[in-house]
Amino acid sequence: MKLRWLAAGMFATVVGLAAGLAVGDDDHEPRGGWFGKLAAPADITPVDNPLYAAECGSCHFAYQPGLLPERSWRKLMSNLGDHFGENAELSPETQQLLTEYLVGNAGEQDPGKIARGLVRSIPPVEAPERITETAYFIRKHDELPPRVWRDNPKVGSMSNCSACHTGADNGDFDEDRVRIPGFGRWED
């Protein structure tokens, strides 16, 4: 009987260790382990609002609301007359609908690891308007030399997410799937 309990205890320990090896860092990234690849939370919730995708996505990548905190979306949406040097004014009704969507799905509401990381990296008194200026974004992209993005006509700017993150539209920003135009898969 003691041998059966000892065997059961050892099995539980091995399963626990294997699960621990299969899960990566504190972001719970999937890793290969004894039992294969484990499911992980989405990087960030994809855009699921057709009005937002059409209105904002007609000029630039339709950034997932989870990429900024609520206070940033409110700030951005309150000054569409000067949206990064462009007039992006909308009808009051459309502006209200889009603001409600962005605020309701902002980083504080998104369960994805990127949203959590971004929100944690922004001091509570700040309301950044550029995702590329957040500490989280800078830390994740600091190894990229300007020649692969700024000097690359197929990328041009760090704000052009979908140029390198081929699954960006679906909320997939996994660094293992980054493909930089003209450079291919990027290795740290």
N, C-alpha and C. Protein backbone atom coordinates (compact mmCIF):
# COMPACT_ATOMS: atom_id res chain seq x y z
N MET A 1 0.82 -1.19 0.00
CA MET A 1 0.00 0.00 0.00
C MET A 1 0.87 1.26 0.00
N LYS A 2 1.94 1.25 0.82
CA LYS A 2 2.84 2.40 0.88
C LYS A 2 3.49 2.65 -0.48
N LEU A 3 3.82 1.57 -1.16
CA LEU A 3 4.45 1.69 -2.47
C LEU A 3 3.50 2.36 -3.48
N ARG A 4 2.22 2.06 -3.41
CA ARG A 4 1.23 2.66 -4.31
C ARG A 4 1.14 4.16 -4.06
N TRP A 5 1.14 4.60 -2.78
CA TRP A 5 1.08 6.02 -2.45
C TRP A 5 2.36 6.73 -2.88
N LEU A 6 3.48 6.08 -2.71
CA LEU A 6 4.75 6.65 -3.13
C LEU A 6 4.77 6.82 -4.65
N ALA A 7 4.30 5.80 -5.38
CA ALA A 7 4.24 5.89 -6.84
C ALA A 7 3.30 7.01 -7.28
N ALA A 8 2.15 7.13 -6.63
CA ALA A 8 1.18 8.19 -6.98
C ALA A 8 1.79 9.56 -6.71
N GLY A 9 2.50 9.69 -5.60
CA GLY A 9 3.15 10.97 -5.28
C GLY A 9 4.23 11.33 -6.28
N MET A 10 5.01 10.35 -6.68
CA MET A 10 6.06 10.59 -7.66
C MET A 10 5.46 10.98 -9.01
N PHE A 11 4.38 10.32 -9.40
CA PHE A 11 3.71 10.64 -10.66
C PHE A 11 3.21 12.07 -10.64
N ALA A 12 2.57 12.47 -9.54
CA ALA A 12 2.06 13.84 -9.42
C ALA A 12 3.20 14.85 -9.51
N THR A 13 4.33 14.55 -8.90
CA THR A 13 5.48 15.44 -8.95
C THR A 13 6.00 15.57 -10.37
N VAL A 14 6.13 14.46 -11.08
CA VAL A 14 6.62 14.47 -12.45
C VAL A 14 5.67 15.26 -13.35
N VAL A 15 4.38 15.05 -13.20
CA VAL A 15 3.39 15.79 -14.01
C VAL A 15 3.49 17.28 -13.70
N GLY A 16 3.62 17.62 -12.44
CA GLY A 16 3.75 19.03 -12.05
C GLY A 16 5.01 19.66 -12.64
N LEU A 17 6.12 18.96 -12.58
CA LEU A 17 7.36 19.47 -13.15
C LEU A 17 7.26 19.61 -14.67
N ALA A 18 6.65 18.64 -15.31
CA ALA A 18 6.50 18.70 -16.77
C ALA A 18 5.64 19.88 -17.17
N ALA A 19 4.57 20.13 -16.44
CA ALA A 19 3.72 21.28 -16.74
C ALA A 19 4.50 22.57 -16.53
N GLY A 20 5.30 22.62 -15.48
CA GLY A 20 6.11 23.80 -15.22
C GLY A 20 7.12 24.04 -16.33
N LEU A 21 7.70 22.99 -16.86
CA LEU A 21 8.65 23.13 -17.97
C LEU A 21 7.95 23.55 -19.25
N ALA A 22 6.72 23.14 -19.41
CA ALA A 22 6.00 23.43 -20.65
C ALA A 22 5.54 24.87 -20.72
N VAL A 23 5.39 25.54 -19.57
CA VAL A 23 4.95 26.93 -19.57
C VAL A 23 6.18 27.79 -19.41
N GLY A 24 6.29 28.83 -20.24
CA GLY A 24 7.47 29.68 -20.26
C GLY A 24 7.50 30.68 -19.14
N ASP A 25 7.74 31.93 -19.48
CA ASP A 25 7.91 32.98 -18.47
C ASP A 25 6.59 33.37 -17.84
N ASP A 26 6.62 34.48 -17.12
CA ASP A 26 5.42 34.90 -16.39
C ASP A 26 4.27 35.29 -17.31
N ASP A 27 4.52 35.39 -18.60
CA ASP A 27 3.46 35.69 -19.56
C ASP A 27 2.71 34.43 -19.96
N HIS A 28 3.10 33.28 -19.45
CA HIS A 28 2.48 32.00 -19.75
C HIS A 28 2.53 31.67 -21.24
N GLU A 29 3.66 31.95 -21.84
CA GLU A 29 3.83 31.61 -23.24
C GLU A 29 3.92 30.10 -23.38
N PRO A 30 3.31 29.55 -24.42
CA PRO A 30 3.40 28.10 -24.59
C PRO A 30 4.82 27.69 -24.92
N ARG A 31 5.22 26.57 -24.38
CA ARG A 31 6.54 26.02 -24.65
C ARG A 31 6.39 24.52 -24.87
N GLY A 32 7.25 23.97 -25.65
CA GLY A 32 7.24 22.53 -25.83
C GLY A 32 7.68 21.88 -24.53
N GLY A 33 7.04 20.86 -24.13
CA GLY A 33 7.40 20.15 -22.91
C GLY A 33 7.16 18.68 -23.14
N TRP A 34 7.14 17.93 -22.08
CA TRP A 34 6.92 16.50 -22.19
C TRP A 34 5.59 16.17 -22.83
N PHE A 35 4.62 17.06 -22.66
CA PHE A 35 3.28 16.78 -23.17
C PHE A 35 2.93 17.66 -24.35
N GLY A 36 3.94 18.18 -25.02
CA GLY A 36 3.69 18.99 -26.21
C GLY A 36 3.43 20.44 -25.86
N LYS A 37 2.85 21.15 -26.77
CA LYS A 37 2.61 22.57 -26.60
C LYS A 37 1.31 22.81 -25.84
N LEU A 38 1.38 23.60 -24.79
CA LEU A 38 0.19 23.91 -24.00
C LEU A 38 -0.49 25.15 -24.58
N ALA A 39 -1.79 25.21 -24.42
CA ALA A 39 -2.53 26.39 -24.86
C ALA A 39 -2.19 27.55 -23.94
N ALA A 40 -2.13 28.73 -24.49
CA ALA A 40 -1.83 29.92 -23.71
C ALA A 40 -2.88 30.98 -24.02
N PRO A 41 -3.02 31.96 -23.12
CA PRO A 41 -3.95 33.05 -23.42
C PRO A 41 -3.52 33.77 -24.70
N ALA A 42 -4.47 34.34 -25.41
CA ALA A 42 -4.16 35.09 -26.63
C ALA A 42 -3.23 36.24 -26.28
N ASP A 43 -2.40 36.63 -27.25
CA ASP A 43 -1.51 37.77 -27.03
C ASP A 43 -2.33 39.01 -26.70
N ILE A 44 -3.37 39.22 -27.47
CA ILE A 44 -4.28 40.35 -27.27
C ILE A 44 -5.57 40.05 -28.01
N THR A 45 -6.67 40.52 -27.50
CA THR A 45 -7.97 40.24 -28.13
C THR A 45 -8.05 40.94 -29.48
N PRO A 46 -8.36 40.21 -30.54
CA PRO A 46 -8.45 40.82 -31.87
C PRO A 46 -9.60 41.83 -31.96
N VAL A 47 -9.49 42.72 -32.91
CA VAL A 47 -10.56 43.69 -33.19
C VAL A 47 -11.77 42.92 -33.68
N ASP A 48 -12.92 43.18 -33.07
CA ASP A 48 -14.14 42.49 -33.47
C ASP A 48 -15.29 43.47 -33.73
N ASN A 49 -14.93 44.71 -34.01
CA ASN A 49 -15.93 45.74 -34.27
C ASN A 49 -15.79 46.21 -35.71
N PRO A 50 -16.74 45.86 -36.59
CA PRO A 50 -16.63 46.23 -38.01
C PRO A 50 -16.55 47.74 -38.25
N LEU A 51 -17.25 48.53 -37.44
CA LEU A 51 -17.21 49.98 -37.61
C LEU A 51 -15.80 50.50 -37.31
N TYR A 52 -15.21 50.04 -36.22
CA TYR A 52 -13.85 50.45 -35.87
C TYR A 52 -12.87 49.99 -36.95
N ALA A 53 -13.00 48.74 -37.37
CA ALA A 53 -12.09 48.21 -38.40
C ALA A 53 -12.19 49.03 -39.69
N ALA A 54 -13.40 49.44 -40.05
CA ALA A 54 -13.59 50.21 -41.28
C ALA A 54 -13.10 51.65 -41.13
N GLU A 55 -13.51 52.31 -40.06
CA GLU A 55 -13.17 53.73 -39.89
C GLU A 55 -11.68 53.94 -39.63
N CYS A 56 -11.14 53.24 -38.66
CA CYS A 56 -9.73 53.44 -38.29
C CYS A 56 -8.79 52.63 -39.18
N GLY A 57 -9.23 51.44 -39.55
CA GLY A 57 -8.41 50.57 -40.38
C GLY A 57 -8.29 51.04 -41.82
N SER A 58 -9.08 52.02 -42.23
CA SER A 58 -8.97 52.52 -43.60
C SER A 58 -7.73 53.39 -43.78
N CYS A 59 -7.17 53.90 -42.68
CA CYS A 59 -5.98 54.75 -42.76
C CYS A 59 -4.72 54.08 -42.21
N HIS A 60 -4.89 53.20 -41.24
CA HIS A 60 -3.73 52.55 -40.61
C HIS A 60 -4.18 51.23 -40.00
N PHE A 61 -3.23 50.49 -39.49
CA PHE A 61 -3.53 49.25 -38.81
C PHE A 61 -4.57 49.53 -37.72
N ALA A 62 -5.62 48.73 -37.67
CA ALA A 62 -6.66 48.90 -36.65
C ALA A 62 -6.14 48.29 -35.35
N TYR A 63 -5.48 49.12 -34.56
CA TYR A 63 -4.86 48.67 -33.32
C TYR A 63 -5.89 48.09 -32.37
N GLN A 64 -5.55 46.97 -31.78
CA GLN A 64 -6.44 46.35 -30.81
C GLN A 64 -6.62 47.29 -29.62
N PRO A 65 -7.86 47.43 -29.12
CA PRO A 65 -8.09 48.31 -27.98
C PRO A 65 -7.24 47.98 -26.76
N GLY A 66 -6.87 46.71 -26.60
CA GLY A 66 -6.06 46.30 -25.46
C GLY A 66 -4.64 46.82 -25.48
N LEU A 67 -4.23 47.47 -26.56
CA LEU A 67 -2.88 47.99 -26.65
C LEU A 67 -2.67 49.29 -25.89
N LEU A 68 -3.75 49.89 -25.42
CA LEU A 68 -3.64 51.11 -24.62
C LEU A 68 -4.65 51.07 -23.49
N PRO A 69 -4.38 51.81 -22.42
CA PRO A 69 -5.35 51.87 -21.33
C PRO A 69 -6.52 52.80 -21.70
N GLU A 70 -7.57 52.69 -20.93
CA GLU A 70 -8.78 53.49 -21.17
C GLU A 70 -8.47 54.98 -21.27
N ARG A 71 -7.65 55.50 -20.37
CA ARG A 71 -7.37 56.94 -20.36
C ARG A 71 -6.69 57.40 -21.66
N SER A 72 -5.90 56.52 -22.28
CA SER A 72 -5.25 56.87 -23.54
C SER A 72 -6.26 56.92 -24.68
N TRP A 73 -7.18 55.94 -24.71
CA TRP A 73 -8.20 55.95 -25.77
C TRP A 73 -9.10 57.17 -25.63
N ARG A 74 -9.46 57.53 -24.41
CA ARG A 74 -10.29 58.73 -24.22
C ARG A 74 -9.56 59.97 -24.73
N LYS A 75 -8.28 60.07 -24.42
CA LYS A 75 -7.48 61.21 -24.88
C LYS A 75 -7.39 61.24 -26.40
N LEU A 76 -7.08 60.10 -27.02
CA LEU A 76 -6.99 60.03 -28.48
C LEU A 76 -8.30 60.40 -29.16
N MET A 77 -9.39 59.86 -28.64
CA MET A 77 -10.69 60.07 -29.28
C MET A 77 -11.24 61.48 -29.04
N SER A 78 -10.69 62.20 -28.08
CA SER A 78 -11.18 63.56 -27.79
C SER A 78 -10.55 64.61 -28.69
N ASN A 79 -9.54 64.23 -29.47
CA ASN A 79 -8.86 65.21 -30.32
C ASN A 79 -8.60 64.65 -31.72
N LEU A 80 -9.64 64.18 -32.36
CA LEU A 80 -9.48 63.60 -33.70
C LEU A 80 -9.22 64.65 -34.78
N GLY A 81 -9.42 65.92 -34.47
CA GLY A 81 -9.12 66.99 -35.42
C GLY A 81 -7.62 67.09 -35.68
N ASP A 82 -6.82 66.66 -34.72
CA ASP A 82 -5.36 66.63 -34.87
C ASP A 82 -4.87 65.26 -34.43
N HIS A 83 -5.14 64.26 -35.27
CA HIS A 83 -4.79 62.87 -34.98
C HIS A 83 -3.43 62.59 -35.62
N PHE A 84 -2.37 62.86 -34.87
CA PHE A 84 -1.01 62.69 -35.34
C PHE A 84 -0.77 63.49 -36.63
N GLY A 85 -1.26 64.73 -36.61
CA GLY A 85 -1.06 65.63 -37.74
C GLY A 85 -2.11 65.53 -38.83
N GLU A 86 -3.07 64.66 -38.67
CA GLU A 86 -4.14 64.48 -39.66
C GLU A 86 -5.49 64.81 -39.05
N ASN A 87 -6.42 65.23 -39.88
CA ASN A 87 -7.79 65.44 -39.42
C ASN A 87 -8.55 64.12 -39.59
N ALA A 88 -8.89 63.52 -38.47
CA ALA A 88 -9.61 62.24 -38.50
C ALA A 88 -10.99 62.38 -37.86
N GLU A 89 -11.54 63.59 -37.93
CA GLU A 89 -12.84 63.82 -37.29
C GLU A 89 -13.92 62.89 -37.85
N LEU A 90 -14.81 62.51 -36.97
CA LEU A 90 -15.93 61.63 -37.30
C LEU A 90 -17.22 62.31 -36.89
N SER A 91 -18.33 61.78 -37.34
CA SER A 91 -19.61 62.30 -36.86
C SER A 91 -19.66 62.05 -35.36
N PRO A 92 -20.37 62.88 -34.61
CA PRO A 92 -20.46 62.68 -33.15
C PRO A 92 -20.96 61.27 -32.77
N GLU A 93 -21.90 60.74 -33.55
CA GLU A 93 -22.44 59.41 -33.24
C GLU A 93 -21.37 58.33 -33.43
N THR A 94 -20.65 58.41 -34.54
CA THR A 94 -19.60 57.43 -34.82
C THR A 94 -18.48 57.55 -33.79
N GLN A 95 -18.11 58.79 -33.47
CA GLN A 95 -17.05 58.99 -32.48
C GLN A 95 -17.46 58.40 -31.13
N GLN A 96 -18.70 58.58 -30.74
CA GLN A 96 -19.17 58.02 -29.47
C GLN A 96 -19.15 56.49 -29.49
N LEU A 97 -19.62 55.90 -30.58
CA LEU A 97 -19.63 54.44 -30.69
C LEU A 97 -18.21 53.86 -30.64
N LEU A 98 -17.29 54.49 -31.34
CA LEU A 98 -15.92 54.00 -31.36
C LEU A 98 -15.23 54.21 -30.01
N THR A 99 -15.50 55.33 -29.38
CA THR A 99 -14.93 55.58 -28.04
C THR A 99 -15.44 54.53 -27.06
N GLU A 100 -16.73 54.23 -27.11
CA GLU A 100 -17.29 53.20 -26.22
C GLU A 100 -16.65 51.85 -26.46
N TYR A 101 -16.42 51.52 -27.74
CA TYR A 101 -15.77 50.24 -28.07
C TYR A 101 -14.35 50.20 -27.52
N LEU A 102 -13.58 51.25 -27.77
CA LEU A 102 -12.18 51.29 -27.35
C LEU A 102 -12.05 51.27 -25.83
N VAL A 103 -12.85 52.06 -25.15
CA VAL A 103 -12.80 52.13 -23.69
C VAL A 103 -13.27 50.81 -23.07
N GLY A 104 -14.31 50.23 -23.63
CA GLY A 104 -14.85 48.99 -23.10
C GLY A 104 -13.94 47.79 -23.30
N ASN A 105 -12.97 47.92 -24.21
CA ASN A 105 -12.06 46.82 -24.52
C ASN A 105 -10.60 47.21 -24.33
N ALA A 106 -10.38 48.29 -23.59
CA ALA A 106 -9.02 48.81 -23.36
C ALA A 106 -8.16 47.79 -22.60
N GLY A 107 -6.91 48.11 -22.48
CA GLY A 107 -5.94 47.21 -21.87
C GLY A 107 -6.34 46.66 -20.52
N GLU A 108 -7.01 47.47 -19.71
CA GLU A 108 -7.41 47.01 -18.38
C GLU A 108 -8.44 45.89 -18.46
N GLN A 109 -9.16 45.79 -19.58
CA GLN A 109 -10.22 44.79 -19.75
C GLN A 109 -9.74 43.54 -20.48
N ASP A 110 -8.62 43.65 -21.18
CA ASP A 110 -8.14 42.56 -22.04
C ASP A 110 -7.33 41.56 -21.23
N PRO A 111 -7.66 40.27 -21.30
CA PRO A 111 -6.93 39.27 -20.54
C PRO A 111 -5.61 38.83 -21.17
N GLY A 112 -5.31 39.30 -22.36
CA GLY A 112 -4.11 38.86 -23.06
C GLY A 112 -2.83 39.33 -22.40
N LYS A 113 -1.75 38.59 -22.62
CA LYS A 113 -0.48 38.89 -21.98
C LYS A 113 0.11 40.23 -22.43
N ILE A 114 -0.11 40.61 -23.68
CA ILE A 114 0.43 41.89 -24.15
C ILE A 114 -0.32 43.03 -23.48
N ALA A 115 -1.63 42.94 -23.42
CA ALA A 115 -2.41 43.99 -22.77
C ALA A 115 -1.98 44.14 -21.31
N ARG A 116 -1.83 43.03 -20.62
CA ARG A 116 -1.40 43.09 -19.22
C ARG A 116 -0.02 43.73 -19.09
N GLY A 117 0.89 43.35 -19.97
CA GLY A 117 2.24 43.91 -19.93
C GLY A 117 2.26 45.39 -20.23
N LEU A 118 1.50 45.80 -21.23
CA LEU A 118 1.44 47.22 -21.58
C LEU A 118 0.86 48.05 -20.44
N VAL A 119 -0.25 47.61 -19.91
CA VAL A 119 -0.90 48.37 -18.83
C VAL A 119 0.03 48.49 -17.62
N ARG A 120 0.70 47.39 -17.27
CA ARG A 120 1.63 47.43 -16.13
C ARG A 120 2.80 48.37 -16.38
N SER A 121 3.18 48.57 -17.64
CA SER A 121 4.35 49.39 -17.95
C SER A 121 4.05 50.89 -17.97
N ILE A 122 2.78 51.26 -17.88
CA ILE A 122 2.40 52.67 -17.99
C ILE A 122 2.05 53.21 -16.60
N PRO A 123 2.78 54.23 -16.14
CA PRO A 123 2.43 54.83 -14.84
C PRO A 123 0.98 55.33 -14.85
N PRO A 124 0.28 55.19 -13.73
CA PRO A 124 -1.15 55.56 -13.67
C PRO A 124 -1.45 57.02 -14.03
N VAL A 125 -0.46 57.89 -13.92
CA VAL A 125 -0.69 59.31 -14.23
C VAL A 125 -0.47 59.63 -15.70
N GLU A 126 0.00 58.66 -16.46
CA GLU A 126 0.28 58.89 -17.88
C GLU A 126 -0.82 58.32 -18.76
N ALA A 127 -1.01 59.00 -19.91
CA ALA A 127 -1.98 58.54 -20.91
C ALA A 127 -1.30 58.62 -22.28
N PRO A 128 -0.40 57.68 -22.56
CA PRO A 128 0.32 57.75 -23.83
C PRO A 128 -0.62 57.60 -25.02
N GLU A 129 -0.30 58.31 -26.08
CA GLU A 129 -1.09 58.21 -27.30
C GLU A 129 -0.43 57.30 -28.33
N ARG A 130 0.82 57.00 -28.11
CA ARG A 130 1.56 56.13 -29.04
C ARG A 130 1.96 54.84 -28.32
N ILE A 131 1.52 53.74 -28.85
CA ILE A 131 1.87 52.43 -28.30
C ILE A 131 3.38 52.25 -28.33
N THR A 132 4.00 52.78 -29.37
CA THR A 132 5.44 52.62 -29.56
C THR A 132 6.27 53.36 -28.51
N GLU A 133 5.65 54.22 -27.71
CA GLU A 133 6.37 54.95 -26.68
C GLU A 133 6.19 54.35 -25.29
N THR A 134 5.50 53.24 -25.19
CA THR A 134 5.32 52.61 -23.89
C THR A 134 6.58 51.79 -23.55
N ALA A 135 6.87 51.70 -22.26
CA ALA A 135 8.04 50.94 -21.81
C ALA A 135 7.98 49.49 -22.27
N TYR A 136 6.80 48.90 -22.25
CA TYR A 136 6.64 47.51 -22.67
C TYR A 136 7.03 47.35 -24.14
N PHE A 137 6.50 48.20 -25.00
CA PHE A 137 6.80 48.13 -26.43
C PHE A 137 8.30 48.32 -26.67
N ILE A 138 8.87 49.31 -26.03
CA ILE A 138 10.30 49.60 -26.22
C ILE A 138 11.14 48.41 -25.79
N ARG A 139 10.80 47.81 -24.67
CA ARG A 139 11.56 46.64 -24.18
C ARG A 139 11.45 45.47 -25.17
N LYS A 140 10.28 45.27 -25.74
CA LYS A 140 10.10 44.15 -26.67
C LYS A 140 10.77 44.37 -28.03
N HIS A 141 11.06 45.62 -28.38
CA HIS A 141 11.61 45.92 -29.70
C HIS A 141 13.00 46.54 -29.65
N ASP A 142 13.62 46.60 -28.48
CA ASP A 142 14.89 47.32 -28.34
C ASP A 142 16.05 46.70 -29.11
N GLU A 143 15.96 45.44 -29.48
CA GLU A 143 17.07 44.80 -30.19
C GLU A 143 17.02 45.02 -31.71
N LEU A 144 15.98 45.69 -32.18
CA LEU A 144 15.83 45.88 -33.63
C LEU A 144 16.58 47.13 -34.10
N PRO A 145 17.58 46.95 -34.95
CA PRO A 145 18.28 48.12 -35.46
C PRO A 145 17.40 48.88 -36.47
N PRO A 146 17.57 50.18 -36.55
CA PRO A 146 16.76 50.99 -37.47
C PRO A 146 16.78 50.52 -38.92
N ARG A 147 17.85 49.85 -39.34
CA ARG A 147 17.93 49.40 -40.74
C ARG A 147 16.83 48.40 -41.09
N VAL A 148 16.31 47.67 -40.09
CA VAL A 148 15.29 46.66 -40.40
C VAL A 148 13.87 47.22 -40.35
N TRP A 149 13.70 48.41 -39.78
CA TRP A 149 12.35 48.97 -39.74
C TRP A 149 12.29 50.38 -40.29
N ARG A 150 13.01 51.33 -39.71
CA ARG A 150 12.94 52.72 -40.17
C ARG A 150 13.48 52.88 -41.59
N ASP A 151 14.60 52.24 -41.86
CA ASP A 151 15.23 52.36 -43.18
C ASP A 151 14.69 51.33 -44.18
N ASN A 152 13.73 50.55 -43.77
CA ASN A 152 13.15 49.50 -44.61
C ASN A 152 11.85 50.04 -45.21
N PRO A 153 11.80 50.31 -46.52
CA PRO A 153 10.60 50.88 -47.12
C PRO A 153 9.35 50.01 -46.98
N LYS A 154 9.52 48.71 -46.72
CA LYS A 154 8.37 47.84 -46.55
C LYS A 154 7.83 47.87 -45.12
N VAL A 155 8.56 48.52 -44.22
CA VAL A 155 8.11 48.66 -42.83
C VAL A 155 7.92 50.14 -42.54
N GLY A 156 9.01 50.93 -42.54
CA GLY A 156 8.94 52.37 -42.42
C GLY A 156 8.77 52.94 -41.03
N SER A 157 8.08 52.21 -40.16
CA SER A 157 7.78 52.73 -38.84
C SER A 157 7.47 51.58 -37.89
N MET A 158 7.80 51.77 -36.64
CA MET A 158 7.46 50.76 -35.63
C MET A 158 5.94 50.63 -35.47
N SER A 159 5.20 51.61 -35.91
CA SER A 159 3.74 51.56 -35.77
C SER A 159 3.07 50.70 -36.84
N ASN A 160 3.85 50.20 -37.78
CA ASN A 160 3.33 49.36 -38.86
C ASN A 160 3.39 47.89 -38.42
N CYS A 161 2.63 47.54 -37.42
CA CYS A 161 2.67 46.22 -36.78
C CYS A 161 2.57 45.06 -37.77
N SER A 162 1.61 45.15 -38.66
CA SER A 162 1.32 44.02 -39.54
C SER A 162 2.40 43.78 -40.59
N ALA A 163 3.35 44.71 -40.74
CA ALA A 163 4.44 44.49 -41.69
C ALA A 163 5.30 43.31 -41.25
N CYS A 164 5.52 43.17 -39.97
CA CYS A 164 6.40 42.12 -39.44
C CYS A 164 5.66 41.04 -38.65
N HIS A 165 4.62 41.46 -37.95
CA HIS A 165 3.81 40.51 -37.19
C HIS A 165 2.68 40.04 -38.11
N THR A 166 2.92 38.94 -38.79
CA THR A 166 2.00 38.47 -39.82
C THR A 166 0.63 38.09 -39.28
N GLY A 167 0.51 37.84 -37.99
CA GLY A 167 -0.77 37.51 -37.37
C GLY A 167 -1.35 38.65 -36.57
N ALA A 168 -0.83 39.86 -36.74
CA ALA A 168 -1.24 41.00 -35.93
C ALA A 168 -2.75 41.25 -35.99
N ASP A 169 -3.34 41.11 -37.16
CA ASP A 169 -4.78 41.33 -37.29
C ASP A 169 -5.59 40.40 -36.38
N ASN A 170 -5.04 39.24 -36.12
CA ASN A 170 -5.72 38.25 -35.27
C ASN A 170 -5.26 38.31 -33.82
N GLY A 171 -4.49 39.33 -33.47
CA GLY A 171 -4.01 39.48 -32.10
C GLY A 171 -2.82 38.60 -31.78
N ASP A 172 -2.14 38.10 -32.81
CA ASP A 172 -0.99 37.22 -32.63
C ASP A 172 0.29 38.01 -32.87
N PHE A 173 1.00 38.27 -31.78
CA PHE A 173 2.26 39.01 -31.87
C PHE A 173 3.43 38.14 -31.40
N ASP A 174 3.28 36.84 -31.52
CA ASP A 174 4.30 35.90 -31.07
C ASP A 174 5.61 36.19 -31.79
N GLU A 175 6.67 36.40 -31.02
CA GLU A 175 7.96 36.75 -31.62
C GLU A 175 8.53 35.63 -32.48
N ASP A 176 8.09 34.40 -32.27
CA ASP A 176 8.56 33.30 -33.09
C ASP A 176 7.99 33.35 -34.51
N ARG A 177 6.98 34.17 -34.71
CA ARG A 177 6.36 34.27 -36.04
C ARG A 177 6.62 35.63 -36.71
N VAL A 178 7.58 36.37 -36.19
CA VAL A 178 7.94 37.65 -36.80
C VAL A 178 8.70 37.40 -38.09
N ARG A 179 8.29 38.08 -39.14
CA ARG A 179 8.94 38.01 -40.44
C ARG A 179 9.15 39.44 -40.92
N ILE A 180 10.37 39.92 -40.86
CA ILE A 180 10.65 41.28 -41.27
C ILE A 180 10.89 41.30 -42.79
N PRO A 181 10.11 42.09 -43.52
CA PRO A 181 10.27 42.14 -44.97
C PRO A 181 11.73 42.45 -45.36
N GLY A 182 12.27 41.63 -46.24
CA GLY A 182 13.64 41.79 -46.69
C GLY A 182 14.68 41.16 -45.76
N PHE A 183 14.25 40.71 -44.57
CA PHE A 183 15.18 40.13 -43.62
C PHE A 183 14.74 38.73 -43.17
N GLY A 184 13.47 38.44 -43.28
CA GLY A 184 12.95 37.14 -42.88
C GLY A 184 12.71 37.04 -41.39
N ARG A 185 12.83 35.83 -40.88
CA ARG A 185 12.58 35.58 -39.46
C ARG A 185 13.66 36.27 -38.63
N TRP A 186 13.22 36.97 -37.60
CA TRP A 186 14.16 37.71 -36.77
C TRP A 186 14.54 36.88 -35.55
N GLU A 187 15.83 36.80 -35.28
CA GLU A 187 16.33 36.11 -34.09
C GLU A 187 16.97 37.15 -33.18
N ASP A 188 16.64 37.06 -31.89
CA ASP A 188 17.25 38.00 -30.92
C ASP A 188 18.75 37.84 -30.91
